[in-house]
Amino acid sequence: MQTEHDPGEAAMEPESFFVNLPGLASESLCSMLDRMAGMYADRAAIIFQGRTISYAQMLDTVERMAATLRKAGLHPGDRVALILPNLPQTVLAFWAVIKAGGVLVMTNPLYMEKELLHQLTDSGTKFVVALDTLWPRLHALRDQLPVEKYYITRISDALPFPVRKWRNFLAARKKTLVDVPFDGKTVCTWSSLVSSRVRYAHLCGDPAATLAALQYTGGTTGVSKGVMLTHRNLTVNAEQLRQWLQIQASEAHSILAVLPLFHVYGLTCCLLLSVALGAPMILVTRYVPIEALELVKTHKPTLFPGAPSIYISMMQQKSVGDYDLSSIRICLSGSAPMPVDKFGEFARLTSAAITEGYGLTEASPVTHFNPVDGSARKGSIGRPLPYTEARIVDMEVGTVPVPVGVPGELVIRGPQVMLGYWNNSDETAGALRNGWLYTGDIAREDEDGFFYILDRKKDMCIVGGFNVSPREIDEVLMEHPKVLEAVAVGVPHGTRGEIIKAYIVPKAGETITRQEIVNHCRQKLAAYKVPRQVEIRPALPKSAVGKILRRMLLTEELQRKSL
């Protein structure tokens, strides 16, 4: 969408984005929850394994939890890490931290010690809410972390009393119940977090300047950065989505929450969009295709945010034709391109269209989506959302708009764009220039204002929807005692977008196997970062100054696939 503004001009005043967008210029996450819980108090907010929590019940619970957090010493602006899969506890803790005035650090529960150490120390996390199965990792790091208090929950805490007791009994009998040293002071139970008899709600300051979350994303340096997202960033992005999809709270929607809520895509398109619609989230803790089909059959969700790998895996089920999927009205696909031949197949099964979009953590995350009126263009990320501007600029200087159809760097500005990177002014200056967010993605725009992603300037990979820094994997590979040189590359994959391939040069006299490399990485990296392919080589291509040419390896891989 071309505009009369040049990226080199001064940034657009934030208020101009809110013309014809009543109420959102000053709405915080707290006020959004209060407003929707007041309007739809009796509607379900959370559906999980037979248990339903209404909006009124959720608001009451999170304000009691907020009171507990404040009494425990949480002050406005203090960071709280949630290290949880999709559970009712995740949703309740999210809103409780917001109601207490805290800043969320949504953390992947698949992280290993090295990743947890960086994220929790960099953010200065004060409190942690985590699943009991993660306690051994956290315990190993306690002396190195700034964390003052841990609230540990079990999956059974989400279940009704009789079922909870029975599950805990069975786990203890099978010796699978994690032994957590609860002391009521620094290591506390979930029940202690929800036990307050009083309620508390922090009065949020300026939503445009008040941090709500530090959402970590990988970087080309190999060190993940904390993206500073404000209350307004997040409430606006949910409203932008609602407007673009042309849906209303009065229509009584429901959302199948397969996407992980710790990821910014799931956070906005599931958790926040559900509240913006006064809709229930049908929580999926661990995605299993056939179980997801059963949930659609039982609960009949209308909105299904996902990724190509999710939709494709559902279509691959032999019994998929036995399920009535007609309740699904809109599927929001992101994180990787959807294979063109799969669009029609999914539409035949569900009577719903998949609309593809684009976003990045730095934009809360959504900036583009294809229209839902039938005019979507295959292979495109669509058009900018309301109140969002996008430009394609030259890749050298980054200030000159290029003609329609000519590739360049995609730059964006809008009310969903971050404040910057946490404690990282250099990276912030590189990403935010005169009000524009430089995405690092190479794209083109057609004559009708549809955008197409062509490549990335950065080496960043997107594996199953997660940002992965090859540099981070390089460092882990180089820690192996038999490795002389190593480099990781993101190579295209049919359903996951990309997978990681490692190229290894062994030390003289050493023999190394693919399995040794994979086992080594499994001990130090989250599962989705572990290389799926390993190639042992006598040497790696290098520049004149000895730099390993990662892009050359990718080019070789693409040429090999094209043969």
Protein backbone atom coordinates (compact mmCIF):
# COMPACT_ATOMS: atom_id res chain seq x y z
CA MET A 1 0.00 0.00 0.00
CA GLN A 2 1.85 3.08 -1.21
CA THR A 3 1.51 6.27 0.80
CA GLU A 4 2.64 9.84 0.42
CA HIS A 5 5.06 9.51 3.35
CA ASP A 6 8.71 8.76 2.77
CA PRO A 7 10.60 6.55 5.25
CA GLY A 8 13.15 9.31 5.64
CA GLU A 9 10.56 11.73 6.97
CA ALA A 10 9.80 12.27 10.64
CA ALA A 11 7.72 9.54 12.27
CA MET A 12 3.95 9.83 12.02
CA GLU A 13 2.35 11.06 15.22
CA PRO A 14 0.90 8.02 17.03
CA GLU A 15 -2.48 9.71 17.50
CA SER A 16 -3.05 9.81 13.75
CA PHE A 17 -3.35 6.05 13.71
CA PHE A 18 -6.41 6.19 15.92
CA VAL A 19 -8.68 8.25 13.73
CA ASN A 20 -11.95 6.28 13.50
CA LEU A 21 -10.67 3.79 16.07
CA PRO A 22 -12.72 4.79 19.14
CA GLY A 23 -11.41 4.03 22.59
CA LEU A 24 -8.20 2.26 21.67
CA ALA A 25 -5.94 5.29 21.88
CA SER A 26 -6.16 5.03 25.66
CA GLU A 27 -7.11 1.39 26.22
CA SER A 28 -4.81 -0.81 28.27
CA LEU A 29 -4.98 -4.58 28.45
CA CYS A 30 -6.62 -4.20 31.87
CA SER A 31 -9.40 -2.02 30.53
CA MET A 32 -9.96 -4.35 27.56
CA LEU A 33 -10.43 -7.30 29.92
CA ASP A 34 -12.69 -5.29 32.25
CA ARG A 35 -14.81 -4.08 29.35
CA MET A 36 -15.35 -7.48 27.79
CA ALA A 37 -15.85 -9.26 31.13
CA GLY A 38 -18.50 -6.67 31.95
CA MET A 39 -20.30 -7.15 28.64
CA TYR A 40 -20.03 -10.93 28.48
CA ALA A 41 -19.68 -12.02 32.10
CA ASP A 42 -21.47 -15.34 31.63
CA ARG A 43 -19.70 -16.35 28.43
CA ALA A 44 -16.98 -18.97 28.60
CA ALA A 45 -13.48 -17.53 28.53
CA ILE A 46 -11.52 -20.81 28.82
CA ILE A 47 -12.47 -24.35 27.84
CA PHE A 48 -10.08 -27.12 28.88
CA GLN A 49 -10.66 -30.85 29.25
CA GLY A 50 -14.29 -30.55 30.26
CA ARG A 51 -13.78 -27.52 32.50
CA THR A 52 -15.21 -24.11 31.62
CA ILE A 53 -14.22 -20.78 33.18
CA SER A 54 -16.48 -17.80 32.49
CA TYR A 55 -15.30 -14.25 31.95
CA ALA A 56 -16.68 -13.23 35.34
CA GLN A 57 -14.88 -16.11 37.04
CA MET A 58 -11.66 -15.34 35.19
CA LEU A 59 -11.72 -11.67 36.16
CA ASP A 60 -12.37 -12.55 39.82
CA THR A 61 -9.56 -15.12 39.86
CA VAL A 62 -6.94 -12.98 38.16
CA GLU A 63 -7.58 -10.03 40.47
CA ARG A 64 -7.16 -12.31 43.49
CA MET A 65 -3.95 -13.59 41.99
CA ALA A 66 -2.85 -9.99 41.38
CA ALA A 67 -3.41 -9.26 45.06
CA THR A 68 -1.18 -12.23 45.97
CA LEU A 69 1.57 -11.04 43.62
CA ARG A 70 1.49 -7.52 45.03
CA LYS A 71 1.58 -8.80 48.61
CA ALA A 72 4.55 -11.00 47.66
CA GLY A 73 6.49 -7.90 46.56
CA LEU A 74 5.73 -7.46 42.87
CA HIS A 75 5.92 -3.78 41.95
CA PRO A 76 4.76 -2.05 38.74
CA GLY A 77 7.25 -2.79 35.99
CA ASP A 78 8.72 -5.90 37.64
CA ARG A 79 9.13 -8.81 35.25
CA VAL A 80 7.36 -12.14 35.67
CA ALA A 81 8.24 -15.11 33.46
CA LEU A 82 5.56 -17.61 32.49
CA ILE A 83 7.13 -20.92 31.46
CA LEU A 84 4.03 -22.88 30.60
CA PRO A 85 2.31 -24.73 27.77
CA ASN A 86 -1.31 -23.92 26.86
CA LEU A 87 -3.14 -24.38 30.16
CA PRO A 88 -5.79 -22.40 32.04
CA GLN A 89 -2.96 -21.44 34.41
CA THR A 90 -1.17 -19.72 31.51
CA VAL A 91 -4.15 -17.52 30.71
CA LEU A 92 -4.92 -16.74 34.35
CA ALA A 93 -1.29 -15.94 35.18
CA PHE A 94 -1.00 -13.72 32.11
CA TRP A 95 -3.91 -11.54 33.17
CA ALA A 96 -2.90 -11.63 36.85
CA VAL A 97 0.53 -10.20 36.06
CA ILE A 98 -1.08 -7.50 33.92
CA LYS A 99 -3.57 -6.69 36.69
CA ALA A 100 -0.70 -6.44 39.20
CA GLY A 101 1.17 -3.97 36.99
CA GLY A 102 3.91 -6.41 36.06
CA VAL A 103 5.65 -7.04 32.75
CA LEU A 104 5.34 -10.49 31.22
CA VAL A 105 8.25 -12.54 29.94
CA MET A 106 6.58 -15.30 27.93
CA THR A 107 9.09 -18.15 27.88
CA ASN A 108 9.18 -21.33 25.83
CA PRO A 109 8.87 -24.37 28.15
CA LEU A 110 11.02 -26.34 25.70
CA TYR A 111 14.05 -24.19 26.51
CA MET A 112 17.10 -25.84 28.01
CA GLU A 113 19.21 -24.36 30.81
CA LYS A 114 21.40 -22.17 28.60
CA GLU A 115 18.39 -20.55 26.94
CA LEU A 116 16.52 -20.07 30.21
CA LEU A 117 19.57 -18.52 31.85
CA HIS A 118 19.94 -15.88 29.16
CA GLN A 119 16.28 -14.91 28.98
CA LEU A 120 15.62 -14.77 32.72
CA THR A 121 18.83 -12.88 33.54
CA ASP A 122 18.60 -10.46 30.61
CA SER A 123 15.03 -9.55 31.53
CA GLY A 124 15.77 -9.34 35.26
CA THR A 125 12.87 -11.67 35.99
CA LYS A 126 11.68 -11.36 39.59
CA PHE A 127 8.98 -14.04 39.76
CA VAL A 128 8.49 -17.23 37.74
CA VAL A 129 5.33 -19.23 37.13
CA ALA A 130 6.28 -22.61 35.69
CA LEU A 131 5.15 -26.17 35.16
CA ASP A 132 6.44 -28.73 37.66
CA THR A 133 8.22 -30.75 34.96
CA LEU A 134 10.50 -27.76 34.40
CA TRP A 135 11.61 -27.57 38.01
CA PRO A 136 14.81 -29.64 37.55
CA ARG A 137 16.05 -27.15 34.94
CA LEU A 138 15.16 -24.14 37.06
CA HIS A 139 16.63 -25.69 40.20
CA ALA A 140 19.95 -26.23 38.40
CA LEU A 141 20.08 -22.49 37.63
CA ARG A 142 18.79 -21.01 40.90
CA ASP A 143 22.15 -19.68 42.06
CA GLN A 144 22.61 -17.83 38.75
CA LEU A 145 19.14 -16.34 38.37
CA PRO A 146 17.73 -13.06 39.73
CA VAL A 147 14.43 -14.81 40.52
CA GLU A 148 13.08 -14.24 44.03
CA LYS A 149 10.01 -16.46 43.96
CA TYR A 150 8.78 -19.46 41.98
CA TYR A 151 5.14 -20.47 41.66
CA ILE A 152 5.05 -24.06 40.43
CA THR A 153 1.91 -25.62 38.98
CA ARG A 154 0.95 -29.07 37.78
CA ILE A 155 -1.33 -29.84 34.84
CA SER A 156 -3.72 -31.37 37.37
CA ASP A 157 -4.20 -27.91 38.95
CA ALA A 158 -6.35 -27.08 35.92
CA LEU A 159 -8.77 -29.93 36.63
CA PRO A 160 -11.77 -30.21 38.98
CA PHE A 161 -11.01 -31.36 42.54
CA PRO A 162 -11.84 -35.09 42.29
CA VAL A 163 -10.00 -35.51 38.97
CA ARG A 164 -7.03 -33.50 40.22
CA LYS A 165 -6.63 -35.68 43.32
CA TRP A 166 -6.95 -38.87 41.30
CA ARG A 167 -4.36 -37.78 38.71
CA ASN A 168 -1.88 -36.78 41.39
CA PHE A 169 -2.44 -40.12 43.15
CA LEU A 170 -1.79 -42.06 39.95
CA ALA A 171 1.31 -40.00 39.15
CA ALA A 172 2.70 -40.60 42.65
CA ARG A 173 1.98 -44.31 42.35
CA LYS A 174 3.75 -44.49 38.97
CA LYS A 175 6.57 -42.34 40.39
CA THR A 176 6.10 -39.72 37.66
CA LEU A 177 5.08 -36.94 40.04
CA VAL A 178 7.88 -34.35 40.04
CA ASP A 179 9.23 -33.74 43.53
CA VAL A 180 9.17 -29.96 44.04
CA PRO A 181 10.54 -28.64 47.38
CA PHE A 182 7.65 -26.31 48.22
CA ASP A 183 8.55 -24.12 51.18
CA GLY A 184 5.85 -21.43 50.91
CA LYS A 185 8.50 -18.71 50.77
CA THR A 186 10.54 -18.95 47.59
CA VAL A 187 8.98 -22.06 46.05
CA CYS A 188 5.20 -21.82 46.24
CA THR A 189 2.22 -23.85 45.06
CA TRP A 190 -0.32 -22.76 42.49
CA SER A 191 -3.04 -22.92 45.15
CA SER A 192 -1.19 -20.29 47.19
CA LEU A 193 -1.26 -17.97 44.19
CA VAL A 194 -5.05 -18.16 43.84
CA SER A 195 -5.95 -18.20 47.54
CA SER A 196 -6.28 -14.46 48.25
CA ARG A 197 -9.62 -13.29 49.63
CA VAL A 198 -9.10 -9.76 48.34
CA ARG A 199 -8.84 -8.50 44.79
CA TYR A 200 -6.42 -6.01 43.28
CA ALA A 201 -6.30 -4.12 39.99
CA HIS A 202 -3.39 -1.84 39.15
CA LEU A 203 -4.27 1.46 37.51
CA CYS A 204 -2.34 1.38 34.25
CA GLY A 205 -0.56 4.54 33.09
CA ASP A 206 -0.33 5.71 29.50
CA PRO A 207 -0.93 2.53 27.47
CA ALA A 208 1.39 3.78 24.72
CA ALA A 209 4.30 4.09 27.16
CA THR A 210 3.58 1.31 29.67
CA LEU A 211 5.31 -2.00 29.04
CA ALA A 212 3.14 -5.11 29.04
CA ALA A 213 5.59 -7.73 27.79
CA LEU A 214 9.19 -8.48 26.91
CA GLN A 215 8.74 -10.90 24.05
CA TYR A 216 12.07 -12.50 23.19
CA THR A 217 13.08 -13.05 19.60
CA GLY A 218 16.27 -14.37 18.03
CA GLY A 219 18.82 -12.13 16.40
CA THR A 220 21.58 -12.32 13.83
CA THR A 221 24.09 -12.06 16.67
CA GLY A 222 22.85 -15.37 18.08
CA VAL A 223 21.55 -13.73 21.27
CA SER A 224 17.81 -13.35 21.66
CA LYS A 225 16.54 -9.83 22.28
CA GLY A 226 13.65 -8.69 24.45
CA VAL A 227 11.08 -6.88 22.30
CA MET A 228 9.37 -4.19 24.38
CA LEU A 229 5.64 -4.36 23.70
CA THR A 230 3.29 -1.88 25.32
CA HIS A 231 -0.32 -2.24 26.39
CA ARG A 232 -1.36 -0.26 23.33
CA ASN A 233 0.77 -2.34 20.96
CA LEU A 234 -1.10 -5.47 22.01
CA THR A 235 -4.65 -4.14 22.35
CA VAL A 236 -4.40 -2.36 19.01
CA ASN A 237 -3.10 -5.43 17.18
CA ALA A 238 -6.01 -7.51 18.46
CA GLU A 239 -8.44 -4.81 17.31
CA GLN A 240 -6.71 -4.47 13.94
CA LEU A 241 -7.20 -8.20 13.42
CA ARG A 242 -10.84 -8.04 14.46
CA GLN A 243 -11.52 -5.23 12.01
CA TRP A 244 -9.63 -6.89 9.16
CA LEU A 245 -11.47 -10.19 9.65
CA GLN A 246 -14.79 -8.32 9.80
CA ILE A 247 -15.99 -10.12 12.91
CA GLN A 248 -17.86 -8.82 15.95
CA ALA A 249 -18.10 -9.88 19.59
CA SER A 250 -21.88 -10.07 19.20
CA GLU A 251 -21.43 -13.02 16.80
CA ALA A 252 -20.28 -15.36 19.60
CA HIS A 253 -17.07 -16.76 18.12
CA SER A 254 -14.72 -19.30 19.66
CA ILE A 255 -11.01 -19.93 19.01
CA LEU A 256 -9.14 -23.23 18.83
CA ALA A 257 -5.89 -22.38 20.62
CA VAL A 258 -3.42 -24.83 19.12
CA LEU A 259 -0.69 -22.21 18.73
CA PRO A 260 1.50 -21.88 21.84
CA LEU A 261 0.52 -18.87 23.91
CA PHE A 262 4.14 -18.17 24.84
CA HIS A 263 4.75 -17.35 21.16
CA VAL A 264 3.67 -13.87 20.08
CA TYR A 265 1.55 -15.31 17.23
CA GLY A 266 -0.48 -17.41 19.65
CA LEU A 267 -0.49 -14.67 22.26
CA THR A 268 -2.20 -12.16 19.97
CA CYS A 269 -4.25 -14.36 17.65
CA CYS A 270 -5.53 -16.66 20.39
CA LEU A 271 -5.30 -15.15 23.88
CA LEU A 272 -5.81 -11.47 23.08
CA LEU A 273 -8.15 -11.83 20.12
CA SER A 274 -10.38 -14.09 22.19
CA VAL A 275 -10.79 -11.37 24.83
CA ALA A 276 -11.29 -8.69 22.17
CA LEU A 277 -14.24 -10.82 20.98
CA GLY A 278 -15.46 -11.92 24.40
CA ALA A 279 -14.90 -15.42 23.04
CA PRO A 280 -13.73 -18.69 24.62
CA MET A 281 -10.36 -20.25 23.91
CA ILE A 282 -10.40 -24.00 23.51
CA LEU A 283 -6.96 -24.75 24.91
CA VAL A 284 -4.76 -27.44 23.36
CA THR A 285 -1.79 -28.27 25.59
CA ARG A 286 -0.07 -30.62 23.16
CA TYR A 287 -1.08 -30.71 19.53
CA VAL A 288 -2.09 -34.14 18.27
CA PRO A 289 -3.99 -33.98 14.94
CA ILE A 290 -6.69 -36.52 15.77
CA GLU A 291 -7.31 -34.94 19.18
CA ALA A 292 -7.62 -31.52 17.55
CA LEU A 293 -10.21 -32.96 15.17
CA GLU A 294 -12.15 -34.29 18.16
CA LEU A 295 -12.10 -30.84 19.77
CA VAL A 296 -13.46 -29.26 16.60
CA LYS A 297 -16.22 -31.87 16.54
CA THR A 298 -17.12 -31.28 20.20
CA HIS A 299 -16.72 -27.51 20.61
CA LYS A 300 -17.24 -26.24 17.04
CA PRO A 301 -14.73 -23.37 16.99
CA THR A 302 -15.24 -20.64 14.40
CA LEU A 303 -11.64 -19.33 14.29
CA PHE A 304 -8.58 -21.51 13.86
CA PRO A 305 -5.20 -19.72 13.90
CA GLY A 306 -2.42 -22.05 12.86
CA ALA A 307 0.55 -22.80 10.66
CA PRO A 308 0.78 -24.80 7.42
CA SER A 309 2.25 -27.81 9.22
CA ILE A 310 -0.81 -27.93 11.49
CA TYR A 311 -3.37 -27.75 8.70
CA ILE A 312 -1.49 -30.27 6.57
CA SER A 313 -1.14 -32.77 9.42
CA MET A 314 -4.90 -32.61 10.04
CA MET A 315 -5.63 -33.25 6.36
CA GLN A 316 -3.30 -36.25 6.42
CA GLN A 317 -5.46 -38.07 8.98
CA LYS A 318 -7.21 -41.01 7.32
CA SER A 319 -10.39 -40.35 9.29
CA VAL A 320 -10.52 -36.60 8.61
CA GLY A 321 -13.54 -37.10 6.36
CA ASP A 322 -15.52 -38.47 9.31
CA TYR A 323 -15.38 -35.14 11.14
CA ASP A 324 -17.70 -32.19 10.67
CA LEU A 325 -15.38 -29.20 10.38
CA SER A 326 -17.97 -26.81 8.97
CA SER A 327 -18.06 -24.64 12.11
CA ILE A 328 -14.65 -23.19 11.18
CA ARG A 329 -15.21 -19.88 9.41
CA ILE A 330 -11.69 -18.48 9.21
CA CYS A 331 -8.23 -20.05 9.39
CA LEU A 332 -5.38 -17.63 10.00
CA SER A 333 -2.16 -19.07 8.63
CA GLY A 334 1.26 -17.69 9.45
CA SER A 335 4.89 -18.53 10.22
CA ALA A 336 5.57 -20.13 6.80
CA PRO A 337 4.06 -20.12 3.29
CA MET A 338 1.16 -22.50 2.69
CA PRO A 339 1.74 -24.85 -0.26
CA VAL A 340 -0.61 -23.66 -3.01
CA ASP A 341 -2.07 -27.11 -3.67
CA LYS A 342 -3.25 -27.40 -0.06
CA PHE A 343 -5.60 -24.39 -0.10
CA GLY A 344 -8.33 -26.06 -2.10
CA GLU A 345 -8.06 -29.33 -0.21
CA PHE A 346 -8.58 -27.64 3.16
CA ALA A 347 -11.46 -25.54 1.83
CA ARG A 348 -13.23 -28.70 0.65
CA LEU A 349 -12.89 -30.30 4.07
CA THR A 350 -13.99 -27.34 6.17
CA SER A 351 -15.86 -24.96 3.86
CA ALA A 352 -13.49 -22.34 5.35
CA ALA A 353 -10.77 -20.46 3.55
CA ILE A 354 -7.22 -20.21 4.83
CA THR A 355 -6.06 -16.61 4.83
CA GLU A 356 -2.31 -16.10 4.98
CA GLY A 357 -0.64 -13.24 6.76
CA TYR A 358 2.66 -11.88 7.97
CA GLY A 359 4.07 -10.49 11.13
CA LEU A 360 7.09 -10.28 13.37
CA THR A 361 7.56 -10.07 17.10
CA GLU A 362 8.55 -6.42 16.81
CA ALA A 363 5.03 -5.62 15.52
CA SER A 364 3.00 -7.49 18.14
CA PRO A 365 3.11 -9.39 15.64
CA VAL A 366 0.62 -8.97 12.77
CA THR A 367 1.10 -6.37 10.03
CA HIS A 368 -0.44 -7.99 6.92
CA PHE A 369 -3.22 -10.41 6.07
CA ASN A 370 -5.01 -11.49 2.96
CA PRO A 371 -8.65 -10.37 2.68
CA VAL A 372 -11.38 -12.78 3.81
CA ASP A 373 -13.79 -11.68 1.06
CA GLY A 374 -12.45 -14.12 -1.53
CA SER A 375 -9.90 -11.76 -3.09
CA ALA A 376 -6.86 -13.35 -1.39
CA ARG A 377 -3.84 -13.96 -3.60
CA LYS A 378 -1.95 -17.22 -3.28
CA GLY A 379 1.67 -16.72 -2.40
CA SER A 380 1.00 -13.25 -1.00
CA ILE A 381 1.08 -12.12 2.62
CA GLY A 382 -1.82 -9.81 1.77
CA ARG A 383 -2.24 -6.13 2.47
CA PRO A 384 -1.36 -4.06 5.55
CA LEU A 385 -3.84 -4.14 8.43
CA PRO A 386 -5.85 -1.01 9.27
CA TYR A 387 -3.74 1.90 10.54
CA THR A 388 -0.59 0.17 9.26
CA GLU A 389 1.69 1.52 6.55
CA ALA A 390 4.13 -0.62 4.58
CA ARG A 391 6.79 0.30 2.04
CA ILE A 392 9.42 -1.45 -0.04
CA VAL A 393 12.69 0.49 0.07
CA ASP A 394 16.13 0.03 -1.44
CA MET A 395 18.33 -2.52 0.31
CA GLU A 396 21.48 -0.40 0.38
CA VAL A 397 20.50 2.87 2.09
CA GLY A 398 16.97 1.93 3.10
CA THR A 399 15.36 5.33 2.52
CA VAL A 400 14.38 5.29 -1.16
CA PRO A 401 11.04 3.66 -2.07
CA VAL A 402 11.40 1.33 -5.04
CA PRO A 403 8.90 1.02 -7.92
CA VAL A 404 6.01 -1.45 -7.84
CA GLY A 405 7.22 -4.98 -8.49
CA VAL A 406 10.87 -4.27 -7.65
CA PRO A 407 12.33 -6.22 -4.69
CA GLY A 408 13.55 -4.32 -1.65
CA GLU A 409 13.39 -4.33 2.12
CA LEU A 410 9.95 -4.30 3.73
CA VAL A 411 9.52 -1.47 6.25
CA ILE A 412 6.47 -0.88 8.42
CA ARG A 413 5.01 1.68 10.75
CA GLY A 414 1.89 1.51 12.83
CA PRO A 415 0.59 1.57 16.41
CA GLN A 416 1.52 -2.10 16.90
CA VAL A 417 5.27 -1.48 16.40
CA MET A 418 7.44 -2.02 19.48
CA LEU A 419 9.10 0.61 21.65
CA GLY A 420 12.47 -1.04 21.00
CA TYR A 421 14.72 -3.79 22.32
CA TRP A 422 15.21 -4.18 26.06
CA ASN A 423 18.55 -2.70 27.17
CA ASN A 424 19.85 -2.74 23.59
CA SER A 425 19.98 0.72 22.08
CA ASP A 426 22.27 -0.32 19.20
CA GLU A 427 19.89 -2.99 17.93
CA THR A 428 16.95 -0.63 18.45
CA ALA A 429 18.61 2.07 16.34
CA GLY A 430 19.15 -0.44 13.55
CA ALA A 431 15.55 -1.69 13.56
CA LEU A 432 13.64 1.56 14.19
CA ARG A 433 14.50 4.51 11.97
CA ASN A 434 12.40 7.66 11.83
CA GLY A 435 9.34 5.77 13.01
CA TRP A 436 9.73 2.88 10.55
CA LEU A 437 10.41 -0.72 11.51
CA TYR A 438 12.99 -2.32 9.22
CA THR A 439 11.98 -5.97 8.99
CA GLY A 440 15.07 -7.39 7.29
CA ASP A 441 12.76 -9.20 4.87
CA ILE A 442 13.11 -8.79 1.13
CA ALA A 443 9.70 -8.34 -0.48
CA ARG A 444 7.86 -6.83 -3.42
CA GLU A 445 4.50 -5.11 -3.78
CA ASP A 446 2.19 -5.58 -6.75
CA GLU A 447 0.08 -2.92 -8.46
CA ASP A 448 -2.93 -3.73 -6.22
CA GLY A 449 -1.11 -3.32 -2.92
CA PHE A 450 -0.51 -7.01 -2.16
CA PHE A 451 2.88 -7.86 -0.69
CA TYR A 452 5.06 -10.92 -1.33
CA ILE A 453 7.99 -12.09 0.81
CA LEU A 454 10.93 -13.19 -1.33
CA ASP A 455 13.81 -13.75 1.07
CA ARG A 456 15.44 -12.45 4.24
CA LYS A 457 18.37 -10.11 4.57
CA LYS A 458 19.07 -11.69 7.92
CA ASP A 459 20.18 -15.27 8.30
CA MET A 460 17.27 -15.88 10.65
CA CYS A 461 15.39 -19.13 10.10
CA ILE A 462 11.74 -19.80 10.88
CA VAL A 463 11.25 -23.40 11.98
CA GLY A 464 7.67 -24.43 12.65
CA GLY A 465 6.79 -20.81 13.38
CA PHE A 466 9.69 -20.18 15.79
CA ASN A 467 12.55 -17.79 15.07
CA VAL A 468 15.87 -19.62 15.17
CA SER A 469 19.28 -17.99 15.00
CA PRO A 470 21.79 -20.12 13.04
CA ARG A 471 24.60 -18.38 14.93
CA GLU A 472 23.28 -19.78 18.21
CA ILE A 473 23.34 -23.30 16.77
CA ASP A 474 26.83 -22.69 15.33
CA GLU A 475 28.09 -22.01 18.83
CA VAL A 476 26.59 -25.20 20.22
CA LEU A 477 28.01 -27.26 17.34
CA MET A 478 31.47 -25.83 17.95
CA GLU A 479 31.34 -26.99 21.59
CA HIS A 480 31.54 -30.62 20.45
CA PRO A 481 35.09 -31.89 21.10
CA LYS A 482 35.36 -33.59 17.68
CA VAL A 483 34.25 -30.57 15.63
CA LEU A 484 36.77 -28.33 13.87
CA GLU A 485 34.32 -26.13 11.98
CA ALA A 486 30.53 -26.00 11.82
CA VAL A 487 27.75 -23.89 10.45
CA ALA A 488 23.94 -24.17 10.55
CA VAL A 489 21.65 -23.23 7.68
CA GLY A 490 17.89 -23.02 7.41
CA VAL A 491 16.81 -25.03 4.37
CA PRO A 492 13.29 -25.05 2.89
CA HIS A 493 10.86 -27.71 4.08
CA GLY A 494 7.45 -28.61 2.71
CA THR A 495 5.44 -28.24 5.92
CA ARG A 496 7.66 -26.61 8.56
CA GLY A 497 8.80 -23.68 6.45
CA GLU A 498 12.44 -24.44 7.19
CA ILE A 499 14.48 -27.02 9.03
CA ILE A 500 18.01 -26.73 10.34
CA LYS A 501 20.84 -28.42 8.48
CA ALA A 502 24.30 -28.59 10.06
CA TYR A 503 27.51 -28.74 8.05
CA ILE A 504 30.38 -30.26 10.02
CA VAL A 505 34.15 -30.45 9.47
CA PRO A 506 35.69 -32.92 11.96
CA LYS A 507 39.05 -32.38 13.60
CA ALA A 508 42.01 -34.19 12.05
CA GLY A 509 41.98 -37.87 12.92
CA GLU A 510 38.42 -37.75 14.29
CA THR A 511 35.37 -39.54 12.97
CA ILE A 512 31.96 -38.15 13.84
CA THR A 513 28.47 -39.36 13.04
CA ARG A 514 25.20 -37.57 12.41
CA GLN A 515 23.71 -39.11 15.57
CA GLU A 516 26.55 -37.78 17.73
CA ILE A 517 25.82 -34.25 16.50
CA VAL A 518 22.09 -34.60 17.04
CA ASN A 519 22.53 -36.03 20.56
CA HIS A 520 24.93 -33.21 21.44
CA CYS A 521 22.45 -30.55 20.28
CA ARG A 522 19.53 -32.19 22.09
CA GLN A 523 21.33 -31.64 25.38
CA LYS A 524 21.75 -27.91 24.78
CA LEU A 525 18.92 -26.72 22.53
CA ALA A 526 15.14 -26.78 22.38
CA ALA A 527 13.91 -29.62 20.17
CA TYR A 528 12.86 -27.39 17.27
CA LYS A 529 16.40 -25.95 17.05
CA VAL A 530 18.09 -29.35 16.77
CA PRO A 531 19.40 -29.99 13.22
CA ARG A 532 17.23 -32.39 11.24
CA GLN A 533 19.98 -32.91 8.67
CA VAL A 534 23.74 -33.21 9.17
CA GLU A 535 26.37 -33.24 6.42
CA ILE A 536 29.98 -34.12 7.21
CA ARG A 537 32.44 -32.30 4.93
CA PRO A 538 36.21 -32.01 4.56
CA ALA A 539 35.93 -28.20 4.31
CA LEU A 540 33.44 -25.31 4.25
CA PRO A 541 33.31 -22.47 1.70
CA LYS A 542 34.94 -19.28 3.01
CA SER A 543 35.48 -15.69 1.98
CA ALA A 544 38.87 -14.11 1.49
CA VAL A 545 38.99 -13.18 5.15
CA GLY A 546 38.02 -16.66 6.33
CA LYS A 547 34.33 -16.09 7.01
CA ILE A 548 32.20 -19.18 6.40
CA LEU A 549 29.80 -18.44 3.53
CA ARG A 550 26.49 -19.57 4.94
CA ARG A 551 24.55 -18.27 1.95
CA MET A 552 26.68 -20.29 -0.47
CA LEU A 553 25.74 -23.48 1.35
CA LEU A 554 22.07 -22.53 1.12
CA THR A 555 22.47 -21.87 -2.60
CA GLU A 556 24.04 -25.31 -3.03
CA GLU A 557 21.13 -26.86 -1.15
CA LEU A 558 18.54 -25.09 -3.30
CA GLN A 559 20.32 -26.12 -6.49
CA ARG A 560 20.43 -29.72 -5.31
CA LYS A 561 16.68 -29.70 -4.62
CA SER A 562 15.94 -28.26 -8.05
CA LEU A 563 17.68 -31.12 -9.88
